[in-house]
Amino acid sequence: MKKLDPVVIIVDVLLLIGCGCMFLYGKMSAHSLFIVGLVLIALLVVYLYVTNYKDNHYGGKFHQDF
């Protein structure tokens, strides 16, 4: 994991908790909560995939052990 990854994960979880609180207090509909939750989780997964696995699979250094 990179140094910024825990910060991104914590911010994403806090945003999800904030959206849940808004839903509980009637400021957000269930449909909006579902959409925002999906978008936040998808962005987190894409960010973690790109930062942690891109160098190993797409154009990164090729390690050949012979």
C-alpha atoms as a PDB file:
ATOM      1  CA  MET A   1       0.000   0.000   0.000  1.00  0.00           C
ATOM      2  CA  LYS A   2       1.088   3.512  -0.689  1.00  0.00           C
ATOM      3  CA  LYS A   3       1.275   6.156   2.051  1.00  0.00           C
ATOM      4  CA  LEU A   4      -1.872   7.936   0.859  1.00  0.00           C
ATOM      5  CA  ASP A   5      -4.067   4.815   0.751  1.00  0.00           C
ATOM      6  CA  PRO A   6      -5.125   4.780   4.443  1.00  0.00           C
ATOM      7  CA  VAL A   7      -6.117   8.452   4.201  1.00  0.00           C
ATOM      8  CA  VAL A   8      -8.255   7.784   1.114  1.00  0.00           C
ATOM      9  CA  ILE A   9      -9.904   4.790   2.802  1.00  0.00           C
ATOM     10  CA  ILE A  10     -10.656   6.781   5.981  1.00  0.00           C
ATOM     11  CA  VAL A  11     -12.122   9.699   4.002  1.00  0.00           C
ATOM     12  CA  ASP A  12     -14.286   7.321   1.972  1.00  0.00           C
ATOM     13  CA  VAL A  13     -15.605   5.594   5.097  1.00  0.00           C
ATOM     14  CA  LEU A  14     -16.325   8.960   6.741  1.00  0.00           C
ATOM     15  CA  LEU A  15     -18.244  10.078   3.663  1.00  0.00           C
ATOM     16  CA  LEU A  16     -20.271   6.851   3.731  1.00  0.00           C
ATOM     17  CA  ILE A  17     -21.019   7.365   7.449  1.00  0.00           C
ATOM     18  CA  GLY A  18     -22.015  10.977   6.755  1.00  0.00           C
ATOM     19  CA  CYS A  19     -24.380   9.870   4.004  1.00  0.00           C
ATOM     20  CA  GLY A  20     -25.857   7.262   6.352  1.00  0.00           C
ATOM     21  CA  CYS A  21     -26.469   9.947   8.977  1.00  0.00           C
ATOM     22  CA  MET A  22     -28.108  12.189   6.384  1.00  0.00           C
ATOM     23  CA  PHE A  23     -30.373   9.280   5.417  1.00  0.00           C
ATOM     24  CA  LEU A  24     -31.307   8.613   9.056  1.00  0.00           C
ATOM     25  CA  TYR A  25     -32.208  12.265   9.671  1.00  0.00           C
ATOM     26  CA  GLY A  26     -34.352  12.500   6.537  1.00  0.00           C
ATOM     27  CA  LYS A  27     -32.084  14.705   4.438  1.00  0.00           C
ATOM     28  CA  MET A  28     -31.369  12.028   1.822  1.00  0.00           C
ATOM     29  CA  SER A  29     -33.584   9.499   0.113  1.00  0.00           C
ATOM     30  CA  ALA A  30     -32.777   5.791   0.054  1.00  0.00           C
ATOM     31  CA  HIS A  31     -32.239   5.924  -3.700  1.00  0.00           C
ATOM     32  CA  SER A  32     -29.696   8.740  -3.372  1.00  0.00           C
ATOM     33  CA  LEU A  33     -27.945   6.923  -0.527  1.00  0.00           C
ATOM     34  CA  PHE A  34     -27.637   3.798  -2.663  1.00  0.00           C
ATOM     35  CA  ILE A  35     -26.248   5.713  -5.662  1.00  0.00           C
ATOM     36  CA  VAL A  36     -23.770   7.749  -3.599  1.00  0.00           C
ATOM     37  CA  GLY A  37     -22.641   4.617  -1.762  1.00  0.00           C
ATOM     38  CA  LEU A  38     -22.036   2.738  -5.005  1.00  0.00           C
ATOM     39  CA  VAL A  39     -20.131   5.653  -6.509  1.00  0.00           C
ATOM     40  CA  LEU A  40     -17.920   6.097  -3.419  1.00  0.00           C
ATOM     41  CA  ILE A  41     -17.110   2.394  -3.210  1.00  0.00           C
ATOM     42  CA  ALA A  42     -16.434   2.186  -6.961  1.00  0.00           C
ATOM     43  CA  LEU A  43     -14.099   5.192  -6.822  1.00  0.00           C
ATOM     44  CA  LEU A  44     -12.243   3.686  -3.877  1.00  0.00           C
ATOM     45  CA  VAL A  45     -11.792   0.346  -5.645  1.00  0.00           C
ATOM     46  CA  VAL A  46     -10.616   2.012  -8.861  1.00  0.00           C
ATOM     47  CA  TYR A  47      -8.184   4.250  -6.953  1.00  0.00           C
ATOM     48  CA  LEU A  48      -6.703   1.337  -5.010  1.00  0.00           C
ATOM     49  CA  TYR A  49      -6.441  -0.787  -8.162  1.00  0.00           C
ATOM     50  CA  VAL A  50      -4.710   1.927 -10.172  1.00  0.00           C
ATOM     51  CA  THR A  51      -2.253   2.947  -7.456  1.00  0.00           C
ATOM     52  CA  ASN A  52      -1.311  -0.532  -6.247  1.00  0.00           C
ATOM     53  CA  TYR A  53      -1.522  -2.836  -9.261  1.00  0.00           C
ATOM     54  CA  LYS A  54      -0.948  -0.695 -12.336  1.00  0.00           C
ATOM     55  CA  ASP A  55       2.848  -0.742 -11.965  1.00  0.00           C
ATOM     56  CA  ASN A  56       2.877  -4.519 -11.640  1.00  0.00           C
ATOM     57  CA  HIS A  57       0.696  -5.385 -14.627  1.00  0.00           C
ATOM     58  CA  TYR A  58       0.400  -2.557 -17.145  1.00  0.00           C
ATOM     59  CA  GLY A  59       3.639  -1.208 -18.510  1.00  0.00           C
ATOM     60  CA  GLY A  60       5.558  -1.647 -15.299  1.00  0.00           C
ATOM     61  CA  LYS A  61       8.901  -3.309 -14.818  1.00  0.00           C
ATOM     62  CA  PHE A  62       8.948  -6.849 -16.084  1.00  0.00           C
ATOM     63  CA  HIS A  63      10.667  -9.174 -13.648  1.00  0.00           C
ATOM     64  CA  GLN A  64      12.001 -12.254 -15.297  1.00  0.00           C
ATOM     65  CA  ASP A  65      13.614 -14.882 -13.088  1.00  0.00           C
ATOM     66  CA  PHE A  66      15.740 -17.297 -15.119  1.00  0.00           C
END
